[in-house]
PDB file of N, CA and C in Angstrom:
ATOM      1  N   UNK A   1     -25.323  20.838   0.148  1.00  0.00           N
ATOM      2  CA  UNK A   1     -25.399  19.506   0.967  1.00  0.00           C
ATOM      3  C   UNK A   1     -25.076  18.198  -0.654  1.00  0.00           C
ATOM      4  N   UNK A   2     -25.215  18.898  -1.596  1.00  0.00           N
ATOM      5  CA  UNK A   2     -25.204  17.322  -2.981  1.00  0.00           C
ATOM      6  C   UNK A   2     -23.727  17.616  -3.281  1.00  0.00           C
ATOM      7  N   UNK A   3     -23.374  18.621  -3.440  1.00  0.00           N
ATOM      8  CA  UNK A   3     -22.013  18.531  -3.630  1.00  0.00           C
ATOM      9  C   UNK A   3     -20.934  17.668  -2.618  1.00  0.00           C
ATOM     10  N   UNK A   4     -21.520  17.513  -1.561  1.00  0.00           N
ATOM     11  CA  UNK A   4     -20.535  16.706  -0.624  1.00  0.00           C
ATOM     12  C   UNK A   4     -20.811  15.435  -0.863  1.00  0.00           C
ATOM     13  N   UNK A   5     -21.669  15.264  -1.127  1.00  0.00           N
ATOM     14  CA  UNK A   5     -22.371  14.070  -1.347  1.00  0.00           C
ATOM     15  C   UNK A   5     -21.626  12.950  -2.714  1.00  0.00           C
ATOM     16  N   UNK A   6     -21.654  14.172  -3.419  1.00  0.00           N
ATOM     17  CA  UNK A   6     -20.845  13.835  -4.740  1.00  0.00           C
ATOM     18  C   UNK A   6     -19.167  13.689  -4.375  1.00  0.00           C
ATOM     19  N   UNK A   7     -18.530  14.681  -3.679  1.00  0.00           N
ATOM     20  CA  UNK A   7     -17.406  14.475  -3.580  1.00  0.00           C
ATOM     21  C   UNK A   7     -17.119  13.398  -2.645  1.00  0.00           C
ATOM     22  N   UNK A   8     -17.857  12.927  -1.729  1.00  0.00           N
ATOM     23  CA  UNK A   8     -17.272  12.026  -0.755  1.00  0.00           C
ATOM     24  C   UNK A   8     -16.802  10.666  -0.854  1.00  0.00           C
ATOM     25  N   UNK A   9     -17.571  10.098  -2.194  1.00  0.00           N
ATOM     26  CA  UNK A   9     -17.191   9.053  -2.713  1.00  0.00           C
ATOM     27  C   UNK A   9     -15.841   8.601  -3.189  1.00  0.00           C
ATOM     28  N   UNK A  10     -15.134  10.185  -4.267  1.00  0.00           N
ATOM     29  CA  UNK A  10     -14.055   9.836  -4.715  1.00  0.00           C
ATOM     30  C   UNK A  10     -13.332  10.072  -3.833  1.00  0.00           C
ATOM     31  N   UNK A  11     -13.105  10.822  -2.671  1.00  0.00           N
ATOM     32  CA  UNK A  11     -12.058  10.737  -1.293  1.00  0.00           C
ATOM     33  C   UNK A  11     -12.558   9.484  -0.811  1.00  0.00           C
ATOM     34  N   UNK A  12     -13.118   8.774  -0.761  1.00  0.00           N
ATOM     35  CA  UNK A  12     -13.284   7.043  -0.118  1.00  0.00           C
ATOM     36  C   UNK A  12     -12.432   6.840  -1.019  1.00  0.00           C
ATOM     37  N   UNK A  13     -12.649   6.705  -2.376  1.00  0.00           N
ATOM     38  CA  UNK A  13     -12.090   5.334  -3.576  1.00  0.00           C
ATOM     39  C   UNK A  13     -10.179   6.002  -3.521  1.00  0.00           C
ATOM     40  N   UNK A  14     -10.186   7.011  -3.360  1.00  0.00           N
ATOM     41  CA  UNK A  14      -8.513   7.523  -3.278  1.00  0.00           C
ATOM     42  C   UNK A  14      -7.835   6.896  -1.921  1.00  0.00           C
ATOM     43  N   UNK A  15      -8.671   7.153  -1.019  1.00  0.00           N
ATOM     44  CA  UNK A  15      -8.179   6.474   0.257  1.00  0.00           C
ATOM     45  C   UNK A  15      -7.603   4.712  -0.014  1.00  0.00           C
ATOM     46  N   UNK A  16      -9.036   4.536  -0.295  1.00  0.00           N
ATOM     47  CA  UNK A  16      -8.864   2.764  -0.664  1.00  0.00           C
ATOM     48  C   UNK A  16      -7.918   2.535  -1.374  1.00  0.00           C
ATOM     49  N   UNK A  17      -7.676   3.312  -2.374  1.00  0.00           N
ATOM     50  CA  UNK A  17      -6.315   3.471  -3.566  1.00  0.00           C
ATOM     51  C   UNK A  17      -4.994   3.202  -3.204  1.00  0.00           C
ATOM     52  N   UNK A  18      -5.524   4.173  -2.133  1.00  0.00           N
ATOM     53  CA  UNK A  18      -3.739   4.538  -1.426  1.00  0.00           C
ATOM     54  C   UNK A  18      -3.578   3.439  -0.330  1.00  0.00           C
ATOM     55  N   UNK A  19      -4.291   2.733   0.318  1.00  0.00           N
ATOM     56  CA  UNK A  19      -4.627   1.910   1.739  1.00  0.00           C
ATOM     57  C   UNK A  19      -3.984   0.524   0.480  1.00  0.00           C
ATOM     58  N   UNK A  20      -4.131  -0.193  -0.356  1.00  0.00           N
ATOM     59  CA  UNK A  20      -3.804  -0.479  -1.544  1.00  0.00           C
ATOM     60  C   UNK A  20      -2.552  -0.852  -1.720  1.00  0.00           C
ATOM     61  N   UNK A  21      -1.919   1.017  -2.279  1.00  0.00           N
ATOM     62  CA  UNK A  21      -0.804   0.726  -3.034  1.00  0.00           C
ATOM     63  C   UNK A  21       0.401   0.366  -1.577  1.00  0.00           C
ATOM     64  N   UNK A  22       0.085   1.101  -0.225  1.00  0.00           N
ATOM     65  CA  UNK A  22       0.710   1.436   0.737  1.00  0.00           C
ATOM     66  C   UNK A  22       1.036  -0.181   0.969  1.00  0.00           C
ATOM     67  N   UNK A  23      -0.347  -1.321   0.971  1.00  0.00           N
ATOM     68  CA  UNK A  23      -0.282  -2.496   1.479  1.00  0.00           C
ATOM     69  C   UNK A  23       0.632  -3.545   0.685  1.00  0.00           C
ATOM     70  N   UNK A  24       0.432  -3.198  -0.737  1.00  0.00           N
ATOM     71  CA  UNK A  24       1.557  -3.719  -1.484  1.00  0.00           C
ATOM     72  C   UNK A  24       2.938  -2.828  -1.546  1.00  0.00           C
ATOM     73  N   UNK A  25       2.761  -2.342  -1.272  1.00  0.00           N
ATOM     74  CA  UNK A  25       4.598  -1.600  -0.903  1.00  0.00           C
ATOM     75  C   UNK A  25       5.418  -2.699   0.020  1.00  0.00           C
ATOM     76  N   UNK A  26       4.224  -2.621   1.318  1.00  0.00           N
ATOM     77  CA  UNK A  26       4.708  -2.941   2.132  1.00  0.00           C
ATOM     78  C   UNK A  26       5.033  -4.509   2.439  1.00  0.00           C
ATOM     79  N   UNK A  27       4.273  -5.237   1.764  1.00  0.00           N
ATOM     80  CA  UNK A  27       4.825  -6.722   1.213  1.00  0.00           C
ATOM     81  C   UNK A  27       5.980  -6.955   0.124  1.00  0.00           C
ATOM     82  N   UNK A  28       6.019  -6.067  -0.543  1.00  0.00           N
ATOM     83  CA  UNK A  28       7.401  -6.270  -1.259  1.00  0.00           C
ATOM     84  C   UNK A  28       8.592  -5.565  -0.680  1.00  0.00           C
ATOM     85  N   UNK A  29       8.639  -4.862   0.515  1.00  0.00           N
ATOM     86  CA  UNK A  29       9.892  -4.215   1.398  1.00  0.00           C
ATOM     87  C   UNK A  29       9.947  -5.634   2.052  1.00  0.00           C
ATOM     88  N   UNK A  30       8.878  -6.334   2.820  1.00  0.00           N
ATOM     89  CA  UNK A  30       8.939  -7.768   3.518  1.00  0.00           C
ATOM     90  C   UNK A  30       9.472  -8.647   2.490  1.00  0.00           C
ATOM     91  N   UNK A  31       9.163  -8.578   1.463  1.00  0.00           N
ATOM     92  CA  UNK A  31       9.819  -9.913   0.391  1.00  0.00           C
ATOM     93  C   UNK A  31      11.372  -9.407   0.506  1.00  0.00           C
ATOM     94  N   UNK A  32      11.716  -8.168   0.007  1.00  0.00           N
ATOM     95  CA  UNK A  32      12.967  -7.500  -0.181  1.00  0.00           C
ATOM     96  C   UNK A  32      14.095  -8.091   1.104  1.00  0.00           C
ATOM     97  N   UNK A  33      13.526  -7.747   2.498  1.00  0.00           N
ATOM     98  CA  UNK A  33      13.930  -7.466   3.628  1.00  0.00           C
ATOM     99  C   UNK A  33      14.374  -8.956   3.700  1.00  0.00           C
ATOM    100  N   UNK A  34      13.494  -9.996   3.857  1.00  0.00           N
ATOM    101  CA  UNK A  34      13.555 -11.449   3.616  1.00  0.00           C
ATOM    102  C   UNK A  34      14.747 -11.890   3.076  1.00  0.00           C
ATOM    103  N   UNK A  35      14.782 -11.592   1.880  1.00  0.00           N
ATOM    104  CA  UNK A  35      15.595 -12.147   0.418  1.00  0.00           C
ATOM    105  C   UNK A  35      17.220 -11.359   0.822  1.00  0.00           C
ATOM    106  N   UNK A  36      16.976 -10.192   1.593  1.00  0.00           N
ATOM    107  CA  UNK A  36      18.665  -9.862   1.648  1.00  0.00           C
ATOM    108  C   UNK A  36      19.337 -10.664   3.179  1.00  0.00           C
ATOM    109  N   UNK A  37      18.192 -10.994   4.188  1.00  0.00           N
ATOM    110  CA  UNK A  37      18.766 -11.891   5.019  1.00  0.00           C
ATOM    111  C   UNK A  37      18.809 -13.120   4.378  1.00  0.00           C
ATOM    112  N   UNK A  38      18.196 -14.149   3.563  1.00  0.00           N
ATOM    113  CA  UNK A  38      18.767 -14.938   3.187  1.00  0.00           C
ATOM    114  C   UNK A  38      19.976 -15.069   2.359  1.00  0.00           C
ATOM    115  N   UNK A  39      20.481 -13.835   1.926  1.00  0.00           N
ATOM    116  CA  UNK A  39      21.450 -13.771   1.098  1.00  0.00           C
ATOM    117  C   UNK A  39      22.442 -13.807   1.905  1.00  0.00           C
ATOM    118  N   UNK A  40      22.815 -12.912   3.162  1.00  0.00           N
ATOM    119  CA  UNK A  40      23.755 -12.706   4.040  1.00  0.00           C
ATOM    120  C   UNK A  40      23.710 -14.056   5.018  1.00  0.00           C
ATOM    121  N   UNK A  41      22.842 -14.690   5.184  1.00  0.00           N
ATOM    122  CA  UNK A  41      22.952 -16.128   5.594  1.00  0.00           C
ATOM    123  C   UNK A  41      23.586 -16.876   4.643  1.00  0.00           C
ATOM    124  N   UNK A  42      23.520 -17.063   3.509  1.00  0.00           N
ATOM    125  CA  UNK A  42      24.535 -17.986   2.577  1.00  0.00           C
ATOM    126  C   UNK A  42      25.597 -17.520   2.316  1.00  0.00           C
ATOM    127  N   UNK A  43      25.801 -15.915   2.531  1.00  0.00           N
ATOM    128  CA  UNK A  43      27.464 -15.345   2.755  1.00  0.00           C
ATOM    129  C   UNK A  43      27.724 -15.812   4.181  1.00  0.00           C
TER     130      UNK A  43
END
């Protein structure tokens, strides 16, 4: 039971960091796609 308590926060931290990274990638992807649309509109 004690080992479970020790492992749990590490997994939670890893999940939060993964969520953060995916959010950053999503924002970056949105930025790239909007810039791409802007370039097409100008051409």
